[in-house]
PDB file of N, CA and C in Angstrom:
ATOM      1  N   MET A   1      69.186 110.508 104.220  1.00  0.00           N
ATOM      2  CA  MET A   1      69.193 109.072 104.168  1.00  0.00           C
ATOM      3  C   MET A   1      70.493 108.557 104.775  1.00  0.00           C
ATOM      4  N   LYS A   2      70.385 107.580 105.651  1.00  0.00           N
ATOM      5  CA  LYS A   2      71.559 107.013 106.292  1.00  0.00           C
ATOM      6  C   LYS A   2      72.198 105.961 105.387  1.00  0.00           C
ATOM      7  N   THR A   3      73.503 105.921 105.436  1.00  0.00           N
ATOM      8  CA  THR A   3      74.210 104.884 104.685  1.00  0.00           C
ATOM      9  C   THR A   3      74.721 103.835 105.661  1.00  0.00           C
ATOM     10  N   LYS A   4      74.599 102.592 105.268  1.00  0.00           N
ATOM     11  CA  LYS A   4      75.058 101.503 106.110  1.00  0.00           C
ATOM     12  C   LYS A   4      76.541 101.276 105.899  1.00  0.00           C
ATOM     13  N   LYS A   5      77.224 100.982 106.974  1.00  0.00           N
ATOM     14  CA  LYS A   5      78.629 100.640 106.885  1.00  0.00           C
ATOM     15  C   LYS A   5      78.734  99.170 106.496  1.00  0.00           C
ATOM     16  N   ILE A   6      79.422  98.913 105.401  1.00  0.00           N
ATOM     17  CA  ILE A   6      79.561  97.549 104.922  1.00  0.00           C
ATOM     18  C   ILE A   6      80.848  96.967 105.475  1.00  0.00           C
ATOM     19  N   SER A   7      80.743  95.858 106.186  1.00  0.00           N
ATOM     20  CA  SER A   7      81.939  95.184 106.671  1.00  0.00           C
ATOM     21  C   SER A   7      82.147  93.931 105.834  1.00  0.00           C
ATOM     22  N   ARG A   8      83.331  93.821 105.277  1.00  0.00           N
ATOM     23  CA  ARG A   8      83.654  92.666 104.448  1.00  0.00           C
ATOM     24  C   ARG A   8      84.544  91.726 105.232  1.00  0.00           C
ATOM     25  N   LYS A   9      84.292  90.450 105.082  1.00  0.00           N
ATOM     26  CA  LYS A   9      85.079  89.455 105.770  1.00  0.00           C
ATOM     27  C   LYS A   9      86.074  88.855 104.784  1.00  0.00           C
ATOM     28  N   THR A  10      87.326  88.773 105.203  1.00  0.00           N
ATOM     29  CA  THR A  10      88.342  88.169 104.363  1.00  0.00           C
ATOM     30  C   THR A  10      88.759  86.829 104.943  1.00  0.00           C
ATOM     31  N   HIS A  11      89.305  85.973 104.103  1.00  0.00           N
ATOM     32  CA  HIS A  11      89.704  84.641 104.538  1.00  0.00           C
ATOM     33  C   HIS A  11      91.093  84.617 105.162  1.00  0.00           C
ATOM     34  N   VAL A  12      91.779  85.764 105.192  1.00  0.00           N
ATOM     35  CA  VAL A  12      93.109  85.858 105.786  1.00  0.00           C
ATOM     36  C   VAL A  12      93.151  87.023 106.762  1.00  0.00           C
ATOM     37  N   LYS A  13      94.122  86.996 107.668  1.00  0.00           N
ATOM     38  CA  LYS A  13      94.269  88.087 108.630  1.00  0.00           C
ATOM     39  C   LYS A  13      95.744  88.433 108.776  1.00  0.00           C
ATOM     40  N   ARG A  14      96.023  89.515 109.469  1.00  0.00           N
ATOM     41  CA  ARG A  14      97.392  89.969 109.659  1.00  0.00           C
ATOM     42  C   ARG A  14      98.199  88.905 110.400  1.00  0.00           C
ATOM     43  N   GLY A  15      99.399  88.638 109.915  1.00  0.00           N
ATOM     44  CA  GLY A  15     100.259  87.644 110.531  1.00  0.00           C
ATOM     45  C   GLY A  15     100.188  86.273 109.888  1.00  0.00           C
ATOM     46  N   ASP A  16      99.197  86.039 109.027  1.00  0.00           N
ATOM     47  CA  ASP A  16      99.077  84.744 108.340  1.00  0.00           C
ATOM     48  C   ASP A  16     100.183  84.595 107.293  1.00  0.00           C
ATOM     49  N   THR A  17     100.637  83.368 107.106  1.00  0.00           N
ATOM     50  CA  THR A  17     101.574  83.058 106.025  1.00  0.00           C
ATOM     51  C   THR A  17     100.745  82.615 104.823  1.00  0.00           C
ATOM     52  N   VAL A  18     100.967  83.288 103.691  1.00  0.00           N
ATOM     53  CA  VAL A  18     100.162  83.024 102.505  1.00  0.00           C
ATOM     54  C   VAL A  18     101.062  82.761 101.304  1.00  0.00           C
ATOM     55  N   GLN A  19     100.467  82.126 100.291  1.00  0.00           N
ATOM     56  CA  GLN A  19     101.139  81.899  99.019  1.00  0.00           C
ATOM     57  C   GLN A  19     100.345  82.621  97.942  1.00  0.00           C
ATOM     58  N   ILE A  20     101.046  83.317  97.062  1.00  0.00           N
ATOM     59  CA  ILE A  20     100.395  84.033  95.973  1.00  0.00           C
ATOM     60  C   ILE A  20     100.130  83.048  94.842  1.00  0.00           C
ATOM     61  N   ILE A  21      98.896  83.040  94.335  1.00  0.00           N
ATOM     62  CA  ILE A  21      98.510  82.049  93.329  1.00  0.00           C
ATOM     63  C   ILE A  21      98.363  82.628  91.929  1.00  0.00           C
ATOM     64  N   SER A  22      98.449  83.953  91.774  1.00  0.00           N
ATOM     65  CA  SER A  22      98.384  84.527  90.432  1.00  0.00           C
ATOM     66  C   SER A  22      99.097  85.867  90.410  1.00  0.00           C
ATOM     67  N   GLY A  23      99.510  86.259  89.222  1.00  0.00           N
ATOM     68  CA  GLY A  23     100.176  87.539  89.044  1.00  0.00           C
ATOM     69  C   GLY A  23     101.675  87.397  88.925  1.00  0.00           C
ATOM     70  N   ARG A  24     102.353  88.517  88.954  1.00  0.00           N
ATOM     71  CA  ARG A  24     103.797  88.579  88.769  1.00  0.00           C
ATOM     72  C   ARG A  24     104.568  87.817  89.846  1.00  0.00           C
ATOM     73  N   GLU A  25     104.057  87.782  91.058  1.00  0.00           N
ATOM     74  CA  GLU A  25     104.730  87.149  92.191  1.00  0.00           C
ATOM     75  C   GLU A  25     104.213  85.731  92.453  1.00  0.00           C
ATOM     76  N   LYS A  26     103.637  85.094  91.459  1.00  0.00           N
ATOM     77  CA  LYS A  26     103.009  83.779  91.613  1.00  0.00           C
ATOM     78  C   LYS A  26     103.978  82.759  92.203  1.00  0.00           C
ATOM     79  N   GLY A  27     103.488  82.006  93.207  1.00  0.00           N
ATOM     80  CA  GLY A  27     104.276  80.951  93.823  1.00  0.00           C
ATOM     81  C   GLY A  27     105.093  81.391  95.017  1.00  0.00           C
ATOM     82  N   LYS A  28     105.222  82.685  95.251  1.00  0.00           N
ATOM     83  CA  LYS A  28     106.026  83.175  96.364  1.00  0.00           C
ATOM     84  C   LYS A  28     105.222  83.132  97.661  1.00  0.00           C
ATOM     85  N   ILE A  29     105.941  82.996  98.769  1.00  0.00           N
ATOM     86  CA  ILE A  29     105.330  82.858 100.085  1.00  0.00           C
ATOM     87  C   ILE A  29     105.767  84.031 100.954  1.00  0.00           C
ATOM     88  N   GLY A  30     104.823  84.596 101.703  1.00  0.00           N
ATOM     89  CA  GLY A  30     105.140  85.717 102.574  1.00  0.00           C
ATOM     90  C   GLY A  30     104.128  85.854 103.691  1.00  0.00           C
ATOM     91  N   THR A  31     104.384  86.827 104.569  1.00  0.00           N
ATOM     92  CA  THR A  31     103.530  87.089 105.723  1.00  0.00           C
ATOM     93  C   THR A  31     102.757  88.380 105.502  1.00  0.00           C
ATOM     94  N   ILE A  32     101.482  88.363 105.859  1.00  0.00           N
ATOM     95  CA  ILE A  32     100.634  89.543 105.700  1.00  0.00           C
ATOM     96  C   ILE A  32     100.974  90.551 106.795  1.00  0.00           C
ATOM     97  N   ILE A  33     101.230  91.810 106.378  1.00  0.00           N
ATOM     98  CA  ILE A  33     101.514  92.855 107.355  1.00  0.00           C
ATOM     99  C   ILE A  33     100.343  93.821 107.517  1.00  0.00           C
ATOM    100  N   LYS A  34      99.423  93.837 106.539  1.00  0.00           N
ATOM    101  CA  LYS A  34      98.264  94.721 106.640  1.00  0.00           C
ATOM    102  C   LYS A  34      97.127  94.176 105.787  1.00  0.00           C
ATOM    103  N   VAL A  35      95.899  94.295 106.294  1.00  0.00           N
ATOM    104  CA  VAL A  35      94.703  93.894 105.556  1.00  0.00           C
ATOM    105  C   VAL A  35      93.857  95.142 105.337  1.00  0.00           C
ATOM    106  N   ILE A  36      93.387  95.334 104.105  1.00  0.00           N
ATOM    107  CA  ILE A  36      92.530  96.470 103.759  1.00  0.00           C
ATOM    108  C   ILE A  36      91.175  95.904 103.336  1.00  0.00           C
ATOM    109  N   PRO A  37      90.249  95.661 104.283  1.00  0.00           N
ATOM    110  CA  PRO A  37      88.983  95.010 103.941  1.00  0.00           C
ATOM    111  C   PRO A  37      88.089  95.857 103.043  1.00  0.00           C
ATOM    112  N   LYS A  38      88.212  97.177 103.101  1.00  0.00           N
ATOM    113  CA  LYS A  38      87.371  98.044 102.273  1.00  0.00           C
ATOM    114  C   LYS A  38      87.598  97.771 100.784  1.00  0.00           C
ATOM    115  N   ASN A  39      88.857  97.547 100.399  1.00  0.00           N
ATOM    116  CA  ASN A  39      89.197  97.285  99.002  1.00  0.00           C
ATOM    117  C   ASN A  39      89.455  95.810  98.731  1.00  0.00           C
ATOM    118  N   ASN A  40      89.285  94.962  99.744  1.00  0.00           N
ATOM    119  CA  ASN A  40      89.514  93.519  99.623  1.00  0.00           C
ATOM    120  C   ASN A  40      90.961  93.236  99.207  1.00  0.00           C
ATOM    121  N   GLU A  41      91.918  93.932  99.855  1.00  0.00           N
ATOM    122  CA  GLU A  41      93.329  93.812  99.505  1.00  0.00           C
ATOM    123  C   GLU A  41      94.168  93.506 100.736  1.00  0.00           C
ATOM    124  N   VAL A  42      95.353  92.942 100.484  1.00  0.00           N
ATOM    125  CA  VAL A  42      96.314  92.668 101.553  1.00  0.00           C
ATOM    126  C   VAL A  42      97.688  93.157 101.110  1.00  0.00           C
ATOM    127  N   ILE A  43      98.539  93.490 102.090  1.00  0.00           N
ATOM    128  CA  ILE A  43      99.919  93.857 101.823  1.00  0.00           C
ATOM    129  C   ILE A  43     100.790  92.774 102.429  1.00  0.00           C
ATOM    130  N   ILE A  44     101.676  92.201 101.609  1.00  0.00           N
ATOM    131  CA  ILE A  44     102.522  91.091 102.022  1.00  0.00           C
ATOM    132  C   ILE A  44     103.958  91.586 102.147  1.00  0.00           C
ATOM    133  N   GLU A  45     104.606  91.177 103.225  1.00  0.00           N
ATOM    134  CA  GLU A  45     105.955  91.635 103.531  1.00  0.00           C
ATOM    135  C   GLU A  45     106.950  91.220 102.445  1.00  0.00           C
ATOM    136  N   ASN A  46     107.677  92.213 101.922  1.00  0.00           N
ATOM    137  CA  ASN A  46     108.739  92.040 100.918  1.00  0.00           C
ATOM    138  C   ASN A  46     108.272  91.425  99.602  1.00  0.00           C
ATOM    139  N   LEU A  47     106.992  91.533  99.272  1.00  0.00           N
ATOM    140  CA  LEU A  47     106.486  91.064  97.981  1.00  0.00           C
ATOM    141  C   LEU A  47     105.696  92.183  97.318  1.00  0.00           C
ATOM    142  N   ASN A  48     105.592  92.125  95.988  1.00  0.00           N
ATOM    143  CA  ASN A  48     104.911  93.136  95.180  1.00  0.00           C
ATOM    144  C   ASN A  48     105.504  94.531  95.457  1.00  0.00           C
ATOM    145  N   ILE A  49     106.821  94.620  95.324  1.00  0.00           N
ATOM    146  CA  ILE A  49     107.565  95.838  95.627  1.00  0.00           C
ATOM    147  C   ILE A  49     107.467  96.829  94.467  1.00  0.00           C
ATOM    148  N   ALA A  50     107.258  98.109  94.802  1.00  0.00           N
ATOM    149  CA  ALA A  50     107.279  99.185  93.817  1.00  0.00           C
ATOM    150  C   ALA A  50     108.338 100.197  94.244  1.00  0.00           C
ATOM    151  N   ILE A  51     108.956 100.837  93.275  1.00  0.00           N
ATOM    152  CA  ILE A  51     109.978 101.838  93.553  1.00  0.00           C
ATOM    153  C   ILE A  51     109.344 103.213  93.404  1.00  0.00           C
ATOM    154  N   LYS A  52     109.565 104.063  94.414  1.00  0.00           N
ATOM    155  CA  LYS A  52     109.001 105.410  94.395  1.00  0.00           C
ATOM    156  C   LYS A  52     110.133 106.425  94.486  1.00  0.00           C
ATOM    157  N   HIS A  53     110.122 107.395  93.586  1.00  0.00           N
ATOM    158  CA  HIS A  53     111.131 108.453  93.574  1.00  0.00           C
ATOM    159  C   HIS A  53     110.561 109.666  94.294  1.00  0.00           C
ATOM    160  N   LEU A  54     111.264 110.137  95.330  1.00  0.00           N
ATOM    161  CA  LEU A  54     110.814 111.290  96.099  1.00  0.00           C
ATOM    162  C   LEU A  54     111.666 112.503  95.767  1.00  0.00           C
ATOM    163  N   LYS A  55     111.025 113.634  95.542  1.00  0.00           N
ATOM    164  CA  LYS A  55     111.741 114.868  95.282  1.00  0.00           C
ATOM    165  C   LYS A  55     112.255 115.441  96.594  1.00  0.00           C
ATOM    166  N   PRO A  56     113.311 116.253  96.539  1.00  0.00           N
ATOM    167  CA  PRO A  56     113.776 116.900  97.769  1.00  0.00           C
ATOM    168  C   PRO A  56     112.741 117.896  98.277  1.00  0.00           C
ATOM    169  N   GLN A  57     112.555 117.945  99.583  1.00  0.00           N
ATOM    170  CA  GLN A  57     111.541 118.815 100.170  1.00  0.00           C
ATOM    171  C   GLN A  57     112.104 120.163 100.636  1.00  0.00           C
ATOM    172  N   LYS A  58     113.347 120.200 101.035  1.00  0.00           N
ATOM    173  CA  LYS A  58     113.978 121.445 101.502  1.00  0.00           C
ATOM    174  C   LYS A  58     115.226 121.710 100.665  1.00  0.00           C
ATOM    175  N   ASP A  59     115.860 122.850 100.886  1.00  0.00           N
ATOM    176  CA  ASP A  59     117.057 123.208 100.134  1.00  0.00           C
ATOM    177  C   ASP A  59     118.221 122.266 100.422  1.00  0.00           C
ATOM    178  N   ASN A  60     118.384 121.832 101.669  1.00  0.00           N
ATOM    179  CA  ASN A  60     119.532 121.012 102.046  1.00  0.00           C
ATOM    180  C   ASN A  60     119.305 119.520 101.799  1.00  0.00           C
ATOM    181  N   ASN A  61     118.060 119.096 101.636  1.00  0.00           N
ATOM    182  CA  ASN A  61     117.764 117.681 101.431  1.00  0.00           C
ATOM    183  C   ASN A  61     117.966 117.283  99.977  1.00  0.00           C
ATOM    184  N   SER A  62     118.297 116.015  99.792  1.00  0.00           N
ATOM    185  CA  SER A  62     118.385 115.494  98.430  1.00  0.00           C
ATOM    186  C   SER A  62     117.234 114.513  98.226  1.00  0.00           C
ATOM    187  N   GLY A  63     116.909 114.282  96.978  1.00  0.00           N
ATOM    188  CA  GLY A  63     115.858 113.322  96.680  1.00  0.00           C
ATOM    189  C   GLY A  63     116.319 111.915  97.022  1.00  0.00           C
ATOM    190  N   ARG A  64     115.373 110.989  97.059  1.00  0.00           N
ATOM    191  CA  ARG A  64     115.733 109.612  97.364  1.00  0.00           C
ATOM    192  C   ARG A  64     114.784 108.657  96.657  1.00  0.00           C
ATOM    193  N   ILE A  65     115.193 107.408  96.645  1.00  0.00           N
ATOM    194  CA  ILE A  65     114.386 106.348  96.045  1.00  0.00           C
ATOM    195  C   ILE A  65     114.036 105.371  97.150  1.00  0.00           C
ATOM    196  N   ILE A  66     112.730 105.086  97.305  1.00  0.00           N
ATOM    197  CA  ILE A  66     112.303 104.137  98.333  1.00  0.00           C
ATOM    198  C   ILE A  66     111.554 102.984  97.676  1.00  0.00           C
ATOM    199  N   GLN A  67     111.556 101.853  98.360  1.00  0.00           N
ATOM    200  CA  GLN A  67     110.815 100.688  97.887  1.00  0.00           C
ATOM    201  C   GLN A  67     109.674 100.434  98.861  1.00  0.00           C
ATOM    202  N   ILE A  68     108.454 100.309  98.343  1.00  0.00           N
ATOM    203  CA  ILE A  68     107.287 100.077  99.182  1.00  0.00           C
ATOM    204  C   ILE A  68     106.521  98.862  98.667  1.00  0.00           C
ATOM    205  N   GLU A  69     105.836  98.192  99.595  1.00  0.00           N
ATOM    206  CA  GLU A  69     104.998  97.060  99.221  1.00  0.00           C
ATOM    207  C   GLU A  69     103.647  97.571  98.744  1.00  0.00           C
ATOM    208  N   GLN A  70     103.208  97.088  97.610  1.00  0.00           N
ATOM    209  CA  GLN A  70     101.913  97.463  97.071  1.00  0.00           C
ATOM    210  C   GLN A  70     100.869  96.430  97.474  1.00  0.00           C
ATOM    211  N   PRO A  71      99.609  96.850  97.626  1.00  0.00           N
ATOM    212  CA  PRO A  71      98.561  95.880  97.967  1.00  0.00           C
ATOM    213  C   PRO A  71      98.269  94.921  96.816  1.00  0.00           C
ATOM    214  N   ILE A  72      97.816  93.736  97.184  1.00  0.00           N
ATOM    215  CA  ILE A  72      97.430  92.713  96.214  1.00  0.00           C
ATOM    216  C   ILE A  72      96.034  92.239  96.606  1.00  0.00           C
ATOM    217  N   ASN A  73      95.209  91.913  95.633  1.00  0.00           N
ATOM    218  CA  ASN A  73      93.846  91.473  95.922  1.00  0.00           C
ATOM    219  C   ASN A  73      93.877  90.186  96.740  1.00  0.00           C
ATOM    220  N   SER A  74      93.023  90.107  97.745  1.00  0.00           N
ATOM    221  CA  SER A  74      93.048  88.944  98.635  1.00  0.00           C
ATOM    222  C   SER A  74      92.586  87.668  97.941  1.00  0.00           C
ATOM    223  N   SER A  75      91.926  87.793  96.796  1.00  0.00           N
ATOM    224  CA  SER A  75      91.526  86.596  96.061  1.00  0.00           C
ATOM    225  C   SER A  75      92.715  85.936  95.370  1.00  0.00           C
ATOM    226  N   ASN A  76      93.845  86.632  95.307  1.00  0.00           N
ATOM    227  CA  ASN A  76      95.038  86.093  94.668  1.00  0.00           C
ATOM    228  C   ASN A  76      95.973  85.416  95.653  1.00  0.00           C
ATOM    229  N   VAL A  77      95.553  85.232  96.905  1.00  0.00           N
ATOM    230  CA  VAL A  77      96.395  84.555  97.895  1.00  0.00           C
ATOM    231  C   VAL A  77      95.611  83.437  98.569  1.00  0.00           C
ATOM    232  N   ILE A  78      96.355  82.410  99.004  1.00  0.00           N
ATOM    233  CA  ILE A  78      95.759  81.328  99.794  1.00  0.00           C
ATOM    234  C   ILE A  78      96.611  81.113 101.026  1.00  0.00           C
ATOM    235  N   LEU A  79      96.003  80.586 102.074  1.00  0.00           N
ATOM    236  CA  LEU A  79      96.757  80.259 103.278  1.00  0.00           C
ATOM    237  C   LEU A  79      97.785  79.188 102.951  1.00  0.00           C
ATOM    238  N   TYR A  80      98.971  79.336 103.525  1.00  0.00           N
ATOM    239  CA  TYR A  80     100.053  78.399 103.249  1.00  0.00           C
ATOM    240  C   TYR A  80     100.294  77.567 104.501  1.00  0.00           C
ATOM    241  N   ASN A  81     100.266  76.248 104.336  1.00  0.00           N
ATOM    242  CA  ASN A  81     100.516  75.335 105.434  1.00  0.00           C
ATOM    243  C   ASN A  81     101.773  74.544 105.121  1.00  0.00           C
ATOM    244  N   GLN A  82     102.820  74.715 105.927  1.00  0.00           N
ATOM    245  CA  GLN A  82     104.094  74.067 105.651  1.00  0.00           C
ATOM    246  C   GLN A  82     104.025  72.561 105.783  1.00  0.00           C
ATOM    247  N   ASN A  83     103.099  72.022 106.589  1.00  0.00           N
ATOM    248  CA  ASN A  83     102.995  70.593 106.792  1.00  0.00           C
ATOM    249  C   ASN A  83     102.526  69.853 105.544  1.00  0.00           C
ATOM    250  N   ASN A  84     101.621  70.467 104.775  1.00  0.00           N
ATOM    251  CA  ASN A  84     101.037  69.805 103.612  1.00  0.00           C
ATOM    252  C   ASN A  84     101.798  70.081 102.324  1.00  0.00           C
ATOM    253  N   SER A  85     102.635  71.117 102.294  1.00  0.00           N
ATOM    254  CA  SER A  85     103.293  71.491 101.041  1.00  0.00           C
ATOM    255  C   SER A  85     104.658  70.911 100.893  1.00  0.00           C
TER     256      SER A  85
END
């Protein structure tokens, strides 16, 4: 049996300026750097940051701490228009 590929349409695209309307980052404004339509999520530049601890991989390397942007559901963002706000 063949499975159909489901394409989901989102109301935002990469490069759009959006405002977060719910959650921990509510009210903040940022630019979308990646859209994940399969999970209906977006990644916004410098928002929803998580800290990840990496173990050293070789004998001479040391571990490090990195900060990465986590995805947020696209239903929690709206397009931001500077003229009207």
